[in-house]
Amino acid sequence: MRYRTGQAIVLTAGIAMGLLGGACGRSADKLVHAGVDKFKQKDYNGAIADFTQTLSLDPSDAATYFNRGLAKDAKGDYDGAIADYTQAIALNPKYVAAYGNRGVTKEKKGDDDGAITDFTQALALDPKDAQAYGARGLVKLFKGDDDGAIADSTQAIALAPKDARAYYNRGLVKRTKGDDDGAITDFNRVIELNPKDARAYVARAGVKLQKMDDDGAITDLTQAIALDSKYAMAYDSRGLAKHAKGDYEGAMADITRAISLNPKEAHAYADRGSLEYDRQAWVAALADYRKTLDLFQSGYTYHNLSHPGQTSVPYHHIRIWLIQSHLGERTAATQDLQAYLMGQSAQEAWPLPVMAYLIGRISDQALLAAARTADEKTTNDQLCRAFFYIGSRRLIEGDRPGAQQMLEQAVQRCPHTVDESLSAVVGLAAMKSAKTSLHKP
């Protein structure tokens, strides 16, 4: 189970988001004000039209290029926004806000290195720009530079001790580094500064789940939903917490609500697929995992804070193999998984060895060996999953004693919020129930 904080995390601090007027002339000034008003009303097309007309009167106005870039960014035209911010910088090379906002937009496009470069330039021009430190720290977190992320977010707090966003960002880093208590302290501070910040409740709930405080997590997520009734991630996350508690009906209702609010959120379908898997609703689970892959293929992206640079896509393919095998379609499932595996360049990269094991290329021991690395945390994470998949294959093949042994290992090693842990618990319970039924007189 992935617990996402706000992954789906985007940069929450827009740099100098205030719109700046500046074109000379009465007509141009009127158009600037009209564009600003339309932007505030979320009429981005109207704002862009007004700013474009302003530029026809004064093409040297850097502020109006910046304004139009904001409007284009708001409507999702990231390339157009970057072009306008770049032109604003060409006209005014010391335009700190233009560097900052261009960095934000580059991050949205997945250009983390370009974003860091822009934030660094903004800081060279204004070393006291707390938002630039916060934004750069968050991108460093996305790239797996935890120490750099902590340093930047801490500097942002030093410059703006009442800026809730800086505490939020640092809380994310601390959570990723395993400092759960430190993360909760930072999220508590966010809530003190801004009691209506629904994201902070969702983030704190994620840490509480890691600490096995499911009830505390549900309380926080319920508060987030009270603050924002259309917060899809809050519903999805509360569904994950209810799943962890064994409240399948409540979990199904929340995750389905999340999907209705955001039908393009791939991980919500995966979360529902995991729930259906544990209920042995194989056909429904298969449909949801396939929908997840369809959305990834359509360009869905997110930041995996636990494993920067990795994607969850291989795990969805693995789950599909398990589901099809339970449905009696193992041959077709193996062919599909083999085709996916053949298309990957680094065959040793985790979790590809899991695929090799499921299709019979490597042994149990070879998979366990592949799970071990020089990093203790990574090794434990991969071994937890390896034990689950070995146990699952043994169960499919009818080796119940062998399956039980491996699934018990998975439960012992896996954090209780990990999909594999929940499924292992359910699998063990199902085997125990079947065994009890067999021994009834």
Protein backbone atom coordinates (compact mmCIF):
# COMPACT_ATOMS: atom_id res chain seq x y z
CA MET A 1 0.00 0.00 0.00
CA ARG A 2 1.37 3.38 -0.94
CA TYR A 3 0.38 6.14 1.40
CA ARG A 4 0.48 9.33 -0.63
CA THR A 5 0.59 12.69 1.00
CA GLY A 6 -0.72 15.41 -1.13
CA GLN A 7 1.40 12.22 -4.45
CA ALA A 8 0.57 13.03 -5.13
CA ILE A 9 2.67 15.51 -4.49
CA VAL A 10 2.99 18.64 -6.53
CA LEU A 11 4.79 21.80 -5.57
CA THR A 12 2.32 23.50 -3.31
CA ALA A 13 4.13 26.81 -3.09
CA GLY A 14 3.78 28.82 -6.27
CA ILE A 15 6.59 31.36 -6.42
CA ALA A 16 5.38 34.98 -6.31
CA MET A 17 1.95 34.09 -7.57
CA GLY A 18 0.71 37.69 -7.35
CA LEU A 19 -0.12 39.06 -10.78
CA LEU A 20 1.94 42.06 -11.76
CA GLY A 21 0.69 44.86 -13.96
CA GLY A 22 3.15 47.13 -15.72
CA ALA A 23 2.31 47.94 -19.31
CA CYS A 24 2.29 51.62 -20.04
CA GLY A 25 -0.60 53.49 -21.57
CA ARG A 26 -4.19 53.80 -20.47
CA SER A 27 -5.49 51.07 -22.82
CA ALA A 28 -2.79 48.63 -21.80
CA ASP A 29 -3.37 49.38 -18.13
CA LYS A 30 -7.08 48.69 -18.52
CA LEU A 31 -6.36 45.38 -20.23
CA VAL A 32 -3.91 44.35 -17.49
CA HIS A 33 -6.51 44.96 -14.79
CA ALA A 34 -9.15 43.11 -16.81
CA GLY A 35 -6.79 40.17 -17.24
CA VAL A 36 -5.99 40.10 -13.52
CA ASP A 37 -9.69 40.08 -12.65
CA LYS A 38 -10.37 37.24 -15.09
CA PHE A 39 -7.46 35.26 -13.68
CA LYS A 40 -8.85 35.62 -10.17
CA GLN A 41 -12.22 34.39 -11.47
CA LYS A 42 -10.44 31.40 -13.07
CA ASP A 43 -11.33 32.60 -16.57
CA TYR A 44 -7.88 31.69 -17.80
CA ASN A 45 -8.68 31.88 -21.50
CA GLY A 46 -10.09 35.37 -21.02
CA ALA A 47 -7.04 36.40 -19.00
CA ILE A 48 -4.69 35.07 -21.68
CA ALA A 49 -6.58 37.01 -24.35
CA ASP A 50 -6.29 40.26 -22.37
CA PHE A 51 -2.60 39.77 -21.64
CA THR A 52 -1.92 38.90 -25.27
CA GLN A 53 -3.64 42.10 -26.37
CA THR A 54 -1.59 44.03 -23.79
CA LEU A 55 1.61 42.61 -25.28
CA SER A 56 0.53 43.74 -28.75
CA LEU A 57 0.58 47.29 -27.33
CA ASP A 58 3.81 46.85 -25.36
CA PRO A 59 5.82 43.74 -26.30
CA SER A 60 8.63 44.71 -23.91
CA ASP A 61 6.55 44.31 -20.73
CA ALA A 62 8.12 41.43 -18.77
CA ALA A 63 5.37 41.50 -16.11
CA THR A 64 2.66 40.81 -18.66
CA TYR A 65 4.57 37.82 -20.04
CA PHE A 66 4.80 36.62 -16.46
CA ASN A 67 1.06 37.13 -15.97
CA ARG A 68 0.24 35.24 -19.14
CA GLY A 69 2.57 32.46 -18.06
CA LEU A 70 0.61 32.14 -14.81
CA ALA A 71 -2.66 31.86 -16.72
CA LYS A 72 -1.26 29.29 -19.14
CA ASP A 73 0.14 27.26 -16.24
CA ALA A 74 -3.23 27.37 -14.47
CA LYS A 75 -4.98 25.88 -17.51
CA GLY A 76 -2.35 23.19 -17.97
CA ASP A 77 -0.44 24.66 -20.91
CA TYR A 78 2.95 24.07 -19.31
CA ASP A 79 5.01 24.52 -22.48
CA GLY A 80 3.29 27.83 -23.15
CA ALA A 81 3.83 28.93 -19.56
CA ILE A 82 7.53 28.09 -19.68
CA ALA A 83 7.89 30.03 -22.93
CA ASP A 84 6.29 33.11 -21.35
CA TYR A 85 8.36 32.90 -18.17
CA THR A 86 11.48 32.54 -20.34
CA GLN A 87 10.55 35.65 -22.30
CA ALA A 88 9.93 37.55 -19.06
CA ILE A 89 13.43 36.55 -17.91
CA ALA A 90 14.94 37.61 -21.25
CA LEU A 91 13.39 41.05 -20.77
CA ASN A 92 14.30 41.20 -17.08
CA PRO A 93 17.17 38.83 -16.15
CA LYS A 94 16.67 39.64 -12.44
CA TYR A 95 13.02 38.57 -12.41
CA VAL A 96 13.08 36.30 -9.35
CA ALA A 97 9.41 35.32 -9.54
CA ALA A 98 9.76 34.30 -13.20
CA TYR A 99 12.61 31.92 -12.34
CA GLY A 100 10.62 30.55 -9.43
CA ASN A 101 7.42 29.95 -11.35
CA ARG A 102 9.30 28.49 -14.30
CA GLY A 103 10.87 26.06 -11.85
CA VAL A 104 7.44 25.08 -10.56
CA THR A 105 6.18 24.46 -14.08
CA LYS A 106 9.27 22.47 -15.05
CA GLU A 107 8.67 20.23 -12.05
CA LYS A 108 5.10 19.63 -13.22
CA LYS A 109 6.55 18.43 -16.54
CA GLY A 110 8.92 16.07 -14.73
CA ASP A 111 12.05 18.17 -15.32
CA ASP A 112 13.33 18.05 -11.73
CA ASP A 113 16.88 19.07 -12.64
CA GLY A 114 15.62 22.06 -14.61
CA ALA A 115 13.38 23.03 -11.70
CA ILE A 116 16.29 22.91 -9.24
CA THR A 117 18.38 25.05 -11.58
CA ASP A 118 15.67 27.70 -11.71
CA PHE A 119 15.10 27.71 -7.95
CA THR A 120 18.86 27.99 -7.41
CA GLN A 121 18.99 30.98 -9.76
CA ALA A 122 16.07 32.59 -7.92
CA LEU A 123 18.02 32.16 -4.67
CA ALA A 124 21.17 33.63 -6.22
CA LEU A 125 19.11 36.75 -6.99
CA ASP A 126 17.28 36.73 -3.65
CA PRO A 127 18.95 34.60 -0.93
CA LYS A 128 16.06 35.33 1.43
CA ASP A 129 13.37 33.81 -0.80
CA ALA A 130 11.86 31.26 1.60
CA GLN A 131 9.46 29.88 -1.01
CA ALA A 132 12.32 29.10 -3.38
CA TYR A 133 14.11 27.18 -0.61
CA GLY A 134 10.92 25.28 0.16
CA ALA A 135 10.24 24.47 -3.46
CA ARG A 136 13.82 23.37 -4.14
CA GLY A 137 13.74 21.22 -1.02
CA LEU A 138 10.61 19.46 -2.21
CA VAL A 139 12.12 18.67 -5.61
CA LYS A 140 15.24 17.36 -3.88
CA LEU A 141 12.95 15.07 -1.93
CA PHE A 142 11.45 13.83 -5.20
CA LYS A 143 14.96 13.04 -6.41
CA GLY A 144 15.87 11.14 -3.24
CA ASP A 145 18.22 13.81 -1.84
CA ASP A 146 16.76 13.66 1.67
CA ASP A 147 19.58 15.56 3.36
CA GLY A 148 19.43 18.35 0.80
CA ALA A 149 15.66 18.49 1.17
CA ILE A 150 15.91 18.78 4.96
CA ALA A 151 18.52 21.55 4.66
CA ASP A 152 16.44 23.58 2.22
CA SER A 153 13.16 23.20 4.10
CA THR A 154 14.86 24.07 7.39
CA GLN A 155 16.31 27.21 5.80
CA ALA A 156 12.86 28.10 4.50
CA ILE A 157 11.53 27.83 8.07
CA ALA A 158 14.37 30.01 9.39
CA LEU A 159 13.47 32.71 6.84
CA ALA A 160 9.70 32.40 7.29
CA PRO A 161 8.94 30.73 10.64
CA LYS A 162 5.21 31.19 10.17
CA ASP A 163 5.07 29.75 6.66
CA ALA A 164 3.10 26.52 7.06
CA ARG A 165 4.28 25.22 3.68
CA ALA A 166 7.89 24.97 4.83
CA TYR A 167 6.92 22.83 7.82
CA TYR A 168 4.75 20.70 5.54
CA ASN A 169 7.62 20.08 3.14
CA ARG A 170 10.04 19.24 5.95
CA GLY A 171 7.46 16.89 7.45
CA LEU A 172 7.34 15.00 4.16
CA VAL A 173 11.11 14.59 4.20
CA LYS A 174 11.18 13.43 7.81
CA ARG A 175 8.46 10.89 7.09
CA THR A 176 10.42 9.55 4.12
CA LYS A 177 13.55 9.25 6.28
CA GLY A 178 11.61 7.28 8.90
CA ASP A 179 11.52 10.07 11.49
CA ASP A 180 7.82 9.60 12.22
CA ASP A 181 7.76 11.62 15.43
CA GLY A 182 9.61 14.50 13.79
CA ALA A 183 7.21 14.41 10.86
CA ILE A 184 4.18 14.54 13.15
CA THR A 185 5.71 17.50 15.00
CA ASP A 186 6.06 19.39 11.71
CA PHE A 187 2.55 18.52 10.55
CA ASN A 188 1.19 19.57 13.94
CA ARG A 189 2.88 22.93 13.41
CA VAL A 190 1.26 23.25 9.99
CA ILE A 191 -2.15 22.68 11.55
CA GLU A 192 -1.40 25.22 14.31
CA LEU A 193 -0.54 27.83 11.69
CA ASN A 194 -3.36 26.91 9.34
CA PRO A 195 -6.09 24.77 10.95
CA LYS A 196 -7.92 24.58 7.61
CA ASP A 197 -5.04 22.97 5.69
CA ALA A 198 -6.62 19.66 4.67
CA ARG A 199 -3.31 18.43 3.18
CA ALA A 200 -1.65 18.57 6.59
CA TYR A 201 -4.29 16.26 8.08
CA VAL A 202 -3.80 13.82 5.19
CA ALA A 203 -0.03 13.92 5.61
CA ARG A 204 -0.23 13.42 9.38
CA ALA A 205 -2.63 10.53 8.83
CA GLY A 206 -0.02 8.86 6.65
CA VAL A 207 2.48 8.91 9.49
CA LYS A 208 -0.11 7.63 11.96
CA LEU A 209 -0.79 4.70 9.65
CA GLN A 210 2.92 3.89 9.62
CA LYS A 211 2.83 3.94 13.43
CA MET A 212 -0.16 1.54 13.31
CA ASP A 213 -2.51 4.20 14.69
CA ASP A 214 -5.30 3.40 12.24
CA ASP A 215 -7.99 5.10 14.30
CA GLY A 216 -5.93 8.29 14.59
CA ALA A 217 -5.35 8.23 10.84
CA ILE A 218 -9.07 7.87 10.15
CA THR A 219 -9.83 10.78 12.50
CA ASP A 220 -7.38 13.02 10.63
CA LEU A 221 -8.70 11.97 7.24
CA THR A 222 -12.28 12.57 8.31
CA GLN A 223 -11.25 16.08 9.36
CA ALA A 224 -9.59 16.64 5.98
CA ILE A 225 -12.82 15.63 4.25
CA ALA A 226 -14.81 17.95 6.51
CA LEU A 227 -12.53 20.78 5.37
CA ASP A 228 -12.68 19.79 1.69
CA SER A 229 -15.53 17.49 0.74
CA LYS A 230 -14.10 17.04 -2.77
CA TYR A 231 -10.60 16.04 -1.67
CA ALA A 232 -10.28 12.77 -3.57
CA MET A 233 -6.97 11.80 -1.98
CA ALA A 234 -8.44 12.14 1.51
CA TYR A 235 -11.21 9.68 0.62
CA ASP A 236 -8.74 7.29 -0.99
CA SER A 237 -6.41 7.49 2.00
CA ARG A 238 -9.24 6.93 4.45
CA GLY A 239 -10.20 3.91 2.39
CA LEU A 240 -6.65 2.59 2.79
CA ALA A 241 -6.86 3.07 6.55
CA LYS A 242 -10.20 1.27 6.72
CA HIS A 243 -8.74 -1.52 4.59
CA ALA A 244 -5.94 -1.88 7.12
CA LYS A 245 -8.55 -2.22 9.89
CA GLY A 246 -10.48 -4.86 7.93
CA ASP A 247 -13.47 -2.57 7.24
CA TYR A 248 -13.86 -3.63 3.63
CA GLU A 249 -17.27 -2.05 3.06
CA GLY A 250 -16.14 1.29 4.44
CA ALA A 251 -12.93 1.10 2.44
CA MET A 252 -14.82 0.30 -0.76
CA ALA A 253 -17.18 3.24 -0.26
CA ASP A 254 -14.34 5.71 0.35
CA ILE A 255 -12.09 4.58 -2.50
CA THR A 256 -15.00 4.49 -4.94
CA ARG A 257 -15.88 8.02 -3.84
CA ALA A 258 -12.29 9.07 -4.55
CA ILE A 259 -12.55 7.63 -8.06
CA SER A 260 -15.83 9.45 -8.70
CA LEU A 261 -14.14 12.73 -7.68
CA ASN A 262 -11.01 12.08 -9.73
CA PRO A 263 -11.54 9.39 -12.39
CA LYS A 264 -7.97 9.82 -13.64
CA GLU A 265 -6.26 8.99 -10.32
CA ALA A 266 -4.53 5.74 -11.23
CA HIS A 267 -3.61 4.75 -7.71
CA ALA A 268 -7.20 4.91 -6.50
CA TYR A 269 -8.05 2.14 -8.98
CA ALA A 270 -5.02 0.17 -7.76
CA ASP A 271 -6.11 0.67 -4.15
CA ARG A 272 -9.59 -0.59 -4.97
CA GLY A 273 -8.07 -3.46 -6.92
CA SER A 274 -6.03 -4.43 -3.85
CA LEU A 275 -9.17 -4.36 -1.73
CA GLU A 276 -11.04 -6.52 -4.25
CA TYR A 277 -8.06 -8.88 -4.39
CA ASP A 278 -8.27 -9.40 -0.64
CA ARG A 279 -12.01 -10.07 -0.95
CA GLN A 280 -11.22 -12.55 -3.75
CA ALA A 281 -13.39 -10.55 -6.14
CA TRP A 282 -10.99 -11.52 -8.92
CA VAL A 283 -12.87 -10.17 -11.94
CA ALA A 284 -13.44 -6.74 -10.37
CA ALA A 285 -9.83 -6.61 -9.16
CA LEU A 286 -8.55 -7.46 -12.64
CA ALA A 287 -10.62 -4.65 -14.18
CA ASP A 288 -9.28 -2.09 -11.71
CA TYR A 289 -5.64 -3.08 -12.14
CA ARG A 290 -6.01 -2.94 -15.92
CA LYS A 291 -7.57 0.51 -15.61
CA THR A 292 -4.58 1.55 -13.49
CA LEU A 293 -2.18 0.49 -16.24
CA ASP A 294 -4.29 2.25 -18.88
CA LEU A 295 -3.99 5.51 -16.95
CA PHE A 296 -0.23 5.12 -16.56
CA GLN A 297 0.06 4.51 -20.29
CA SER A 298 -1.96 7.68 -20.87
CA GLY A 299 0.68 9.75 -19.10
CA TYR A 300 -0.26 9.57 -15.40
CA THR A 301 2.75 10.38 -13.22
CA TYR A 302 3.43 10.67 -9.50
CA HIS A 303 6.36 10.96 -7.12
CA ASN A 304 7.29 7.81 -5.25
CA LEU A 305 8.82 9.26 -2.09
CA SER A 306 9.72 5.89 -0.58
CA HIS A 307 11.60 4.82 -3.70
CA PRO A 308 12.52 7.89 -5.82
CA GLY A 309 12.78 7.12 -9.51
CA GLN A 310 10.75 3.92 -9.23
CA THR A 311 7.26 3.32 -10.55
CA SER A 312 4.51 1.07 -9.23
CA VAL A 313 3.65 -0.19 -12.73
CA PRO A 314 5.57 -3.52 -12.42
CA TYR A 315 3.65 -4.35 -9.23
CA HIS A 316 0.36 -3.86 -11.06
CA HIS A 317 1.50 -6.32 -13.73
CA ILE A 318 2.46 -8.76 -10.98
CA ARG A 319 -0.96 -8.47 -9.33
CA ILE A 320 -2.64 -9.09 -12.67
CA TRP A 321 -0.61 -12.31 -13.03
CA LEU A 322 -1.77 -13.45 -9.57
CA ILE A 323 -5.41 -12.59 -10.30
CA GLN A 324 -5.46 -14.33 -13.68
CA SER A 325 -3.81 -17.38 -12.14
CA HIS A 326 -6.55 -17.51 -9.49
CA LEU A 327 -9.06 -17.30 -12.36
CA GLY A 328 -7.47 -20.31 -14.06
CA GLU A 329 -5.77 -18.20 -16.75
CA ARG A 330 -2.18 -18.81 -15.69
CA THR A 331 -0.86 -19.64 -19.15
CA ALA A 332 -2.15 -16.41 -20.66
CA ALA A 333 -0.99 -14.47 -17.61
CA THR A 334 2.50 -15.91 -17.92
CA GLN A 335 2.70 -15.01 -21.59
CA ASP A 336 1.67 -11.41 -20.83
CA LEU A 337 4.09 -11.06 -17.93
CA GLN A 338 6.91 -12.57 -19.97
CA ALA A 339 6.25 -10.07 -22.76
CA TYR A 340 6.36 -7.17 -20.30
CA LEU A 341 9.55 -8.48 -18.72
CA MET A 342 11.26 -8.88 -22.08
CA GLY A 343 10.57 -5.21 -22.81
CA GLN A 344 12.52 -4.03 -19.74
CA SER A 345 16.18 -3.13 -20.10
CA ALA A 346 17.42 -3.81 -16.55
CA GLN A 347 16.28 -7.36 -15.83
CA GLU A 348 17.87 -7.35 -12.36
CA ALA A 349 16.11 -4.17 -11.20
CA TRP A 350 13.57 -4.80 -8.48
CA PRO A 351 10.78 -5.97 -8.74
CA LEU A 352 11.55 -7.57 -12.11
CA PRO A 353 13.07 -10.63 -10.38
CA VAL A 354 9.60 -11.23 -8.91
CA MET A 355 8.26 -11.53 -12.45
CA ALA A 356 11.07 -13.89 -13.39
CA TYR A 357 10.15 -16.03 -10.40
CA LEU A 358 6.43 -16.10 -11.16
CA ILE A 359 6.97 -17.25 -14.73
CA GLY A 360 9.41 -19.94 -13.59
CA ARG A 361 12.74 -18.49 -14.70
CA ILE A 362 14.34 -18.37 -11.27
CA SER A 363 13.94 -20.29 -8.00
CA ASP A 364 12.63 -19.23 -4.60
CA GLN A 365 16.16 -18.87 -3.28
CA ALA A 366 17.27 -16.84 -6.30
CA LEU A 367 14.40 -14.41 -5.70
CA LEU A 368 15.28 -14.05 -2.02
CA ALA A 369 18.90 -13.44 -2.98
CA ALA A 370 17.84 -10.78 -5.47
CA ALA A 371 15.86 -9.05 -2.72
CA ARG A 372 18.96 -8.52 -0.58
CA THR A 373 20.94 -5.30 -1.02
CA ALA A 374 23.57 -3.34 0.89
CA ASP A 375 20.81 -1.16 2.37
CA GLU A 376 19.01 -2.75 5.33
CA LYS A 377 15.75 -0.83 4.83
CA THR A 378 15.57 -1.70 1.13
CA THR A 379 16.41 -5.34 1.87
CA ASN A 380 13.63 -5.68 4.42
CA ASP A 381 11.13 -4.02 2.09
CA GLN A 382 12.04 -6.32 -0.80
CA LEU A 383 12.20 -9.46 1.31
CA CYS A 384 8.74 -8.73 2.71
CA ARG A 385 7.38 -8.63 -0.82
CA ALA A 386 9.42 -11.61 -1.99
CA PHE A 387 8.03 -13.81 0.78
CA PHE A 388 4.50 -12.75 -0.14
CA TYR A 389 4.93 -13.56 -3.83
CA ILE A 390 6.60 -16.91 -3.12
CA GLY A 391 3.74 -17.77 -0.77
CA SER A 392 1.15 -16.63 -3.31
CA ARG A 393 2.61 -18.78 -6.08
CA ARG A 394 2.80 -21.79 -3.76
CA LEU A 395 -0.84 -21.26 -2.81
CA ILE A 396 -1.87 -21.12 -6.48
CA GLU A 397 0.06 -24.35 -7.06
CA GLY A 398 -1.68 -26.07 -4.12
CA ASP A 399 1.28 -26.12 -1.72
CA ARG A 400 -0.60 -24.86 1.34
CA PRO A 401 2.07 -25.66 3.98
CA GLY A 402 4.71 -23.95 1.88
CA ALA A 403 2.40 -21.00 1.22
CA GLN A 404 1.63 -20.62 4.91
CA GLN A 405 5.32 -20.54 5.81
CA MET A 406 6.10 -17.80 3.28
CA LEU A 407 3.03 -15.69 4.03
CA GLU A 408 3.82 -15.77 7.74
CA GLN A 409 7.30 -14.45 6.90
CA ALA A 410 5.72 -11.66 4.86
CA VAL A 411 3.46 -10.64 7.75
CA GLN A 412 6.44 -10.57 10.13
CA ARG A 413 8.56 -8.40 7.83
CA CYS A 414 6.07 -6.09 6.11
CA PRO A 415 4.71 -2.85 7.59
CA HIS A 416 1.03 -3.42 8.21
CA THR A 417 -0.03 -0.82 5.61
CA VAL A 418 1.82 -2.50 2.73
CA ASP A 419 -0.47 -4.22 0.21
CA GLU A 420 1.50 -7.44 0.47
CA SER A 421 1.09 -7.52 4.26
CA LEU A 422 -2.67 -7.03 4.10
CA SER A 423 -3.03 -9.68 1.41
CA ALA A 424 -0.80 -12.10 3.34
CA VAL A 425 -2.97 -11.69 6.45
CA VAL A 426 -6.10 -12.36 4.40
CA GLY A 427 -4.50 -15.34 2.68
CA LEU A 428 -3.50 -16.91 5.98
CA ALA A 429 -6.97 -16.35 7.41
CA ALA A 430 -8.55 -17.95 4.34
CA MET A 431 -6.31 -21.02 4.64
CA LYS A 432 -7.08 -21.31 8.34
CA SER A 433 -10.80 -21.07 7.65
CA ALA A 434 -10.59 -23.70 4.91
CA LYS A 435 -8.62 -26.01 7.21
CA THR A 436 -11.17 -25.58 10.01
CA SER A 437 -14.02 -26.34 7.63
CA LEU A 438 -12.30 -29.51 6.48
CA HIS A 439 -12.04 -30.77 10.06
CA LYS A 440 -15.63 -30.15 11.03
CA PRO A 441 -17.56 -33.40 11.82
